[in-house]
Amino acid sequence: MIRVLLVDDQELMRMGFRMVLDAQEDLEVVGEAGNGEDAVELAGELRPDVVLMDVRMPVLDGVEATRRIVAADAAKVLVMTTFDLDEYALSALRSGASGFLLKDTPPENLVSAVRSVASGDAVVSPSVTKRLLDRFLGEGGGELRDAAVLDALTEREREVLVLVAKGLSNTEIAGKLFLSEATVKTHLGRILSKLDLRDRVQAVVLAYETGLVKPGEA
């Protein structure tokens, strides 16, 4: 059973999410919170598998709540946002969220996303993450982190990371580098391990922050 904590300042929104999730045999909503502060407290008490987190809330926003929950290793966080180019969503990703979905996402996609996050995967498509990074991270220009952190990677791992950051799926990367998809997954796993990253989303963010990939590159 995958245990879910719902966090949104709109009760009707929480009710809608609860109806969708509780209808699944393998999903259970174990609590609700209307602001980030309550979310942090409940995540610590309930230890859910996934927190479905709104980003724009009173008292404490979803970005800081995400940072605290992830830092405490209390749960994985899936951010819900109204706009697909939302600076709050990017900030939440950089704070450790495992991805984000639009609030009007179809119910089946929401259910699939919760399951994916619970299993340790990121649910933001690489292309959507790239749009966010192009829009917000790239506006400041320059490198935000020392590229020396990438020295731990082999040349092949760097190639894989570049393609991940450019929005290619594992299947597309395999075709481009003439590798099997299983080999691509192995390389990605090693990249995450060496760079101490939680998931694919954080790998994309790091690629941009170190200048490995520049905003707007195809």
Protein backbone atom coordinates (compact mmCIF):
# COMPACT_ATOMS: atom_id res chain seq x y z
CA MET A 1 0.00 0.00 0.00
CA ILE A 2 1.34 3.44 -1.00
CA ARG A 3 0.56 5.99 1.70
CA VAL A 4 -0.09 9.57 0.51
CA LEU A 5 -0.27 12.92 2.32
CA LEU A 6 -2.31 15.62 0.54
CA VAL A 7 -1.19 19.24 0.93
CA ASP A 8 -3.24 22.07 -0.61
CA ASP A 9 -4.83 25.19 0.85
CA GLN A 10 -8.03 24.51 -1.12
CA GLU A 11 -10.23 21.90 0.56
CA LEU A 12 -12.11 21.14 -2.66
CA MET A 13 -8.84 20.38 -4.41
CA ARG A 14 -7.84 17.98 -1.63
CA MET A 15 -11.25 16.31 -1.84
CA GLY A 16 -10.80 15.76 -5.55
CA PHE A 17 -7.35 14.25 -5.15
CA ARG A 18 -8.57 12.04 -2.29
CA MET A 19 -11.43 10.65 -4.40
CA VAL A 20 -9.06 9.75 -7.20
CA LEU A 21 -6.39 8.19 -5.01
CA ASP A 22 -8.61 6.34 -2.54
CA ALA A 23 -10.36 4.66 -5.46
CA GLN A 24 -7.15 2.71 -6.12
CA GLU A 25 -6.53 -0.55 -4.28
CA ASP A 26 -2.84 0.19 -3.76
CA LEU A 27 -3.13 3.86 -2.69
CA GLU A 28 -4.26 5.29 0.65
CA VAL A 29 -4.57 8.94 1.69
CA VAL A 30 -3.33 9.00 5.27
CA GLY A 31 -3.64 12.73 5.98
CA GLU A 32 -4.30 16.24 4.71
CA ALA A 33 -2.74 19.65 5.36
CA GLY A 34 -3.76 23.14 4.28
CA ASN A 35 -0.35 24.81 4.53
CA GLY A 36 3.34 23.93 4.39
CA GLU A 37 3.94 24.13 8.12
CA ASP A 38 1.28 21.54 8.87
CA ALA A 39 2.61 19.46 5.98
CA VAL A 40 6.09 19.28 7.51
CA GLU A 41 4.66 18.29 10.89
CA LEU A 42 2.34 15.64 9.46
CA ALA A 43 5.04 14.21 7.19
CA GLY A 44 7.23 13.72 10.24
CA GLU A 45 4.43 12.07 12.20
CA LEU A 46 2.85 9.93 9.48
CA ARG A 47 5.91 9.11 7.38
CA PRO A 48 3.92 8.77 4.13
CA ASP A 49 5.52 7.36 1.00
CA VAL A 50 4.54 10.38 -1.11
CA VAL A 51 3.50 13.95 -0.31
CA LEU A 52 1.30 15.55 -2.97
CA MET A 53 2.36 19.18 -2.47
CA ASP A 54 0.83 22.45 -3.65
CA VAL A 55 3.52 25.12 -4.07
CA ARG A 56 1.57 28.30 -3.41
CA MET A 57 0.17 28.24 0.14
CA PRO A 58 -0.13 30.48 3.21
CA VAL A 59 1.98 30.22 6.40
CA LEU A 60 4.75 28.23 4.67
CA ASP A 61 4.91 27.70 0.92
CA GLY A 62 5.38 24.35 -0.75
CA VAL A 63 8.98 25.05 -1.73
CA GLU A 64 10.24 25.44 1.82
CA ALA A 65 7.98 22.63 3.02
CA THR A 66 9.47 20.39 0.34
CA ARG A 67 13.00 21.30 1.38
CA ARG A 68 12.30 20.44 5.02
CA ILE A 69 10.51 17.18 4.28
CA VAL A 70 13.21 15.96 1.90
CA ALA A 71 16.00 17.05 4.27
CA ALA A 72 14.36 15.02 7.04
CA ASP A 73 13.98 12.06 4.66
CA ALA A 74 10.35 11.96 5.74
CA ALA A 75 8.85 11.27 2.30
CA LYS A 76 9.19 11.80 -1.43
CA VAL A 77 7.45 14.91 -2.73
CA LEU A 78 5.39 15.33 -5.89
CA VAL A 79 4.61 19.00 -6.53
CA MET A 80 1.29 20.13 -7.99
CA THR A 81 1.13 23.46 -9.79
CA THR A 82 -1.33 25.45 -11.90
CA PHE A 83 1.16 26.64 -14.52
CA ASP A 84 3.67 24.50 -16.41
CA LEU A 85 6.25 27.31 -16.39
CA ASP A 86 6.10 28.09 -12.70
CA GLU A 87 9.18 29.41 -10.89
CA TYR A 88 7.84 27.89 -7.68
CA ALA A 89 7.84 24.47 -9.34
CA LEU A 90 11.47 24.90 -10.40
CA SER A 91 12.42 25.96 -6.89
CA ALA A 92 10.67 22.89 -5.52
CA LEU A 93 12.61 20.66 -7.91
CA ARG A 94 15.84 22.24 -6.77
CA SER A 95 14.73 21.68 -3.17
CA GLY A 96 14.42 17.95 -3.73
CA ALA A 97 10.98 17.30 -5.17
CA SER A 98 10.80 14.21 -7.35
CA GLY A 99 8.86 16.05 -10.02
CA PHE A 100 5.72 18.05 -10.66
CA LEU A 101 2.35 17.75 -12.32
CA LEU A 102 -0.24 20.27 -13.39
CA LYS A 103 -3.32 20.31 -11.17
CA ASP A 104 -5.58 19.60 -14.16
CA THR A 105 -3.67 16.45 -15.07
CA PRO A 106 -5.97 13.51 -15.94
CA PRO A 107 -6.74 11.21 -12.97
CA GLU A 108 -4.93 8.26 -14.53
CA ASN A 109 -1.78 10.36 -14.89
CA LEU A 110 -1.99 11.47 -11.27
CA VAL A 111 -2.28 7.87 -10.08
CA SER A 112 0.60 6.78 -12.30
CA ALA A 113 2.75 9.66 -11.07
CA VAL A 114 2.19 8.83 -7.40
CA ARG A 115 3.13 5.21 -8.06
CA SER A 116 6.25 6.25 -9.98
CA VAL A 117 7.45 8.60 -7.26
CA ALA A 118 6.82 5.97 -4.59
CA SER A 119 9.00 3.54 -6.54
CA GLY A 120 11.83 6.05 -6.70
CA ASP A 121 11.38 7.46 -10.19
CA ALA A 122 11.00 11.08 -11.25
CA VAL A 123 7.72 11.94 -12.95
CA VAL A 124 8.52 15.15 -14.77
CA SER A 125 9.16 14.48 -18.42
CA PRO A 126 12.68 15.63 -19.33
CA SER A 127 11.33 17.98 -21.99
CA VAL A 128 9.08 19.77 -19.50
CA THR A 129 11.93 20.06 -17.01
CA LYS A 130 14.09 21.51 -19.77
CA ARG A 131 11.47 24.19 -20.54
CA LEU A 132 11.41 25.18 -16.90
CA LEU A 133 15.18 25.39 -16.73
CA ASP A 134 15.42 27.32 -19.99
CA ARG A 135 12.86 29.78 -18.69
CA PHE A 136 14.08 30.39 -15.17
CA LEU A 137 17.51 28.94 -14.47
CA GLY A 138 18.94 30.24 -17.71
CA GLU A 139 17.80 33.82 -17.28
CA GLY A 140 20.55 34.67 -14.83
CA GLY A 141 23.32 33.51 -17.13
CA GLY A 142 26.65 32.12 -15.99
CA GLU A 143 27.40 28.99 -14.03
CA LEU A 144 25.73 28.57 -10.68
CA ARG A 145 27.85 25.64 -9.51
CA ASP A 146 31.47 24.59 -9.92
CA ALA A 147 31.70 22.26 -12.91
CA ALA A 148 34.47 20.33 -11.12
CA VAL A 149 31.72 18.24 -9.51
CA LEU A 150 31.36 16.52 -12.89
CA ASP A 151 34.98 15.28 -12.85
CA ALA A 152 33.76 12.10 -11.16
CA LEU A 153 31.99 11.08 -14.38
CA THR A 154 33.45 9.09 -17.24
CA GLU A 155 33.25 10.52 -20.75
CA ARG A 156 30.35 8.21 -21.59
CA GLU A 157 28.49 9.20 -18.43
CA ARG A 158 28.92 12.86 -19.37
CA GLU A 159 27.46 12.12 -22.79
CA VAL A 160 24.46 10.43 -21.20
CA LEU A 161 23.95 13.31 -18.76
CA VAL A 162 24.02 15.86 -21.59
CA LEU A 163 21.34 13.96 -23.50
CA VAL A 164 19.21 13.52 -20.38
CA ALA A 165 19.42 17.28 -19.78
CA LYS A 166 18.44 17.98 -23.39
CA GLY A 167 15.19 16.10 -22.89
CA LEU A 168 15.87 12.72 -24.46
CA SER A 169 14.27 9.58 -23.03
CA ASN A 170 16.32 6.48 -22.22
CA THR A 171 15.14 4.90 -25.45
CA GLU A 172 16.20 7.93 -27.49
CA ILE A 173 19.58 8.08 -25.74
CA ALA A 174 20.14 4.39 -26.46
CA GLY A 175 19.47 4.98 -30.15
CA LYS A 176 21.68 8.03 -30.36
CA LEU A 177 24.66 6.42 -28.60
CA PHE A 178 24.12 2.93 -30.08
CA LEU A 179 23.63 1.39 -26.65
CA SER A 180 20.98 -0.85 -25.16
CA GLU A 181 18.35 0.81 -23.03
CA ALA A 182 19.53 -1.29 -20.08
CA THR A 183 23.04 0.11 -20.50
CA VAL A 184 21.68 3.66 -20.54
CA LYS A 185 19.82 2.96 -17.29
CA THR A 186 23.04 1.61 -15.78
CA HIS A 187 24.94 4.75 -16.79
CA LEU A 188 22.20 6.96 -15.38
CA GLY A 189 22.25 5.03 -12.12
CA ARG A 190 25.99 5.54 -11.83
CA ILE A 191 25.62 9.24 -12.57
CA LEU A 192 23.06 9.64 -9.80
CA SER A 193 25.23 7.68 -7.38
CA LYS A 194 28.48 9.51 -8.15
CA LEU A 195 26.90 12.96 -7.99
CA ASP A 196 24.74 12.11 -4.95
CA LEU A 197 21.52 12.95 -6.80
CA ARG A 198 18.06 11.65 -5.98
CA ASP A 199 16.64 11.25 -9.47
CA ARG A 200 16.64 12.27 -13.12
CA VAL A 201 15.14 15.67 -12.36
CA GLN A 202 18.04 16.63 -10.10
CA ALA A 203 20.48 15.39 -12.75
CA VAL A 204 18.94 17.76 -15.29
CA VAL A 205 19.10 20.67 -12.84
CA LEU A 206 22.76 19.97 -12.09
CA ALA A 207 23.63 19.79 -15.79
CA TYR A 208 22.27 23.30 -16.23
CA GLU A 209 23.73 24.69 -13.03
CA THR A 210 27.25 23.57 -13.96
CA GLY A 211 26.97 24.83 -17.54
CA LEU A 212 27.23 21.34 -19.04
CA VAL A 213 24.11 22.24 -21.00
CA LYS A 214 23.24 25.82 -21.92
CA PRO A 215 19.69 27.21 -21.93
CA GLY A 216 18.14 27.02 -25.38
CA GLU A 217 20.34 24.23 -26.69
CA ALA A 218 18.45 21.77 -28.84
